[in-house]
Amino acid sequence: DRYAAVVADRHAGGVCVTASVDAVHFMAPARKGDVLVFASSVNRAWNTSMEVGVRVEAECIGSTERRHILSAYLTFVAVDAAGTPRSVPPLAAESEEEHRRHEEAQVRRNARLKHAEDIKALRASQAKA
């Protein structure tokens, strides 16, 4: 979360707060003595929110071999001094990889919004019962 927040803060030009963690995928274990290498990037920016992807690789000391050990997707909202959401700069996908991450971020956002809508509807129906 902390590495992703730094990337979100830099993109937004100010403070961002974690809104959700969509997924954390543990691909392989880190081993004692491994050096962990973190890479974070903004995958997509909407109005006040953005998705940041995190990839962690483990590098064995004395080797340049790296193993992909973790991927995560977090959503951040930019806030002003009063804590009110504020707009974030748009993000232009340029490379093929950036376009892929951009489109996948929208799929995750749609699923997150649909999930929230489904939970709200379920709670409303349970309240009536």
Protein backbone atom coordinates (compact mmCIF):
# COMPACT_ATOMS: atom_id res chain seq x y z
CA ASP A 1 0.00 0.00 0.00
CA ARG A 2 2.75 2.47 0.90
CA TYR A 3 4.64 2.08 -2.38
CA ALA A 4 1.42 2.37 -4.35
CA ALA A 5 0.42 5.48 -2.37
CA VAL A 6 3.67 7.21 -3.30
CA VAL A 7 2.93 6.60 -6.98
CA ALA A 8 -0.67 7.82 -6.57
CA ASP A 9 0.45 10.94 -4.65
CA ARG A 10 2.98 11.78 -7.36
CA HIS A 11 0.47 11.35 -10.16
CA ALA A 12 -2.17 13.42 -8.38
CA GLY A 13 0.29 16.06 -7.20
CA GLY A 14 -0.91 15.73 -3.63
CA VAL A 15 -2.35 13.46 -0.98
CA CYS A 16 -4.27 10.33 -1.96
CA VAL A 17 -6.07 7.87 0.27
CA THR A 18 -6.57 4.17 -0.26
CA ALA A 19 -10.13 3.48 -1.37
CA SER A 20 -9.85 -0.25 -2.01
CA VAL A 21 -7.55 -3.16 -2.53
CA ASP A 22 -9.01 -5.12 -5.40
CA ALA A 23 -6.60 -8.01 -5.39
CA VAL A 24 -3.39 -9.30 -3.89
CA HIS A 25 -2.01 -12.32 -5.68
CA PHE A 26 0.83 -14.22 -4.02
CA MET A 27 2.62 -15.94 -6.88
CA ALA A 28 5.57 -17.47 -5.02
CA PRO A 29 7.21 -17.15 -1.61
CA ALA A 30 10.09 -14.83 -0.83
CA ARG A 31 13.04 -16.69 0.63
CA LYS A 32 15.29 -15.68 3.49
CA GLY A 33 17.99 -13.40 2.12
CA ASP A 34 16.05 -12.36 -0.98
CA VAL A 35 16.09 -8.73 -1.99
CA LEU A 36 12.56 -7.58 -2.80
CA VAL A 37 12.14 -5.29 -5.79
CA PHE A 38 8.90 -3.28 -5.91
CA ALA A 39 7.48 -1.71 -9.06
CA SER A 40 4.32 0.41 -8.94
CA SER A 41 2.54 2.35 -11.65
CA VAL A 42 -0.74 4.11 -12.27
CA ASN A 43 -2.73 1.85 -14.58
CA ARG A 44 -5.64 4.21 -15.16
CA ALA A 45 -6.98 7.51 -13.84
CA TRP A 46 -10.65 8.44 -13.74
CA ASN A 47 -12.11 11.66 -12.28
CA THR A 48 -10.92 11.62 -8.66
CA SER A 49 -9.59 8.07 -8.45
CA MET A 50 -6.89 5.95 -10.00
CA GLU A 51 -5.77 2.35 -9.98
CA VAL A 52 -2.18 1.58 -9.07
CA GLY A 53 -0.68 -1.79 -9.89
CA VAL A 54 2.13 -3.23 -7.79
CA ARG A 55 4.51 -5.97 -8.85
CA VAL A 56 7.03 -7.46 -6.44
CA GLU A 57 9.95 -9.58 -7.53
CA ALA A 58 12.45 -11.42 -5.34
CA GLU A 59 16.10 -11.42 -6.29
CA CYS A 60 18.47 -13.95 -4.80
CA ILE A 61 21.59 -12.31 -3.34
CA GLY A 62 24.55 -12.91 -5.65
CA SER A 63 22.34 -13.52 -8.67
CA THR A 64 20.42 -11.39 -11.12
CA GLU A 65 17.63 -13.98 -11.25
CA ARG A 66 14.27 -12.52 -10.28
CA ARG A 67 11.05 -14.32 -9.43
CA HIS A 68 7.64 -12.66 -9.67
CA ILE A 69 6.22 -13.16 -6.19
CA LEU A 70 3.28 -10.74 -5.84
CA SER A 71 0.86 -8.62 -7.86
CA ALA A 72 -1.69 -6.24 -6.34
CA TYR A 73 -4.22 -3.67 -7.55
CA LEU A 74 -5.22 -0.74 -5.34
CA THR A 75 -7.57 2.18 -5.91
CA PHE A 76 -6.72 5.62 -4.53
CA VAL A 77 -8.73 8.82 -4.33
CA ALA A 78 -7.01 12.21 -4.42
CA VAL A 79 -8.14 14.53 -1.62
CA ASP A 80 -7.69 18.21 -0.84
CA ALA A 81 -6.71 19.68 2.55
CA ALA A 82 -10.30 19.26 3.80
CA GLY A 83 -10.35 15.59 2.79
CA THR A 84 -12.73 16.21 -0.12
CA PRO A 85 -12.11 14.23 -3.31
CA ARG A 86 -10.45 16.30 -6.03
CA SER A 87 -9.76 15.61 -9.68
CA VAL A 88 -6.63 13.85 -10.86
CA PRO A 89 -4.73 14.41 -14.10
CA PRO A 90 -5.69 12.14 -16.99
CA LEU A 91 -3.34 9.33 -17.91
CA ALA A 92 -2.53 8.61 -21.54
CA ALA A 93 -1.69 5.01 -22.35
CA GLU A 94 1.04 4.95 -24.98
CA SER A 95 2.78 1.59 -25.15
CA GLU A 96 1.08 -1.74 -25.82
CA GLU A 97 1.70 -2.72 -22.17
CA GLU A 98 0.16 0.54 -20.91
CA HIS A 99 -2.92 -0.01 -23.10
CA ARG A 100 -3.31 -3.53 -21.67
CA ARG A 101 -3.05 -2.27 -18.06
CA HIS A 102 -5.41 0.63 -18.90
CA GLU A 103 -8.14 -1.70 -20.23
CA GLU A 104 -7.71 -4.29 -17.46
CA ALA A 105 -8.06 -1.52 -14.85
CA GLN A 106 -11.45 -0.59 -16.34
CA VAL A 107 -12.58 -4.22 -16.14
CA ARG A 108 -11.60 -4.33 -12.45
CA ARG A 109 -13.37 -1.00 -11.81
CA ASN A 110 -16.56 -2.19 -13.49
CA ALA A 111 -16.50 -5.36 -11.37
CA ARG A 112 -15.86 -3.34 -8.19
CA LEU A 113 -18.76 -0.97 -8.91
CA LYS A 114 -21.09 -3.85 -9.83
CA HIS A 115 -20.13 -5.67 -6.63
CA ALA A 116 -20.90 -2.58 -4.53
CA GLU A 117 -24.25 -2.18 -6.31
CA ASP A 118 -25.13 -5.84 -5.71
CA ILE A 119 -24.28 -5.60 -1.99
CA LYS A 120 -26.36 -2.42 -1.63
CA ALA A 121 -29.34 -4.07 -3.33
CA LEU A 122 -29.01 -7.18 -1.15
CA ARG A 123 -28.91 -5.13 2.03
CA ALA A 124 -31.92 -3.09 0.92
CA SER A 125 -33.92 -6.27 0.23
CA GLN A 126 -32.91 -7.74 3.61
CA ALA A 127 -33.97 -4.57 5.41
CA LYS A 128 -37.47 -4.89 3.92
CA ALA A 129 -37.85 -8.49 5.05
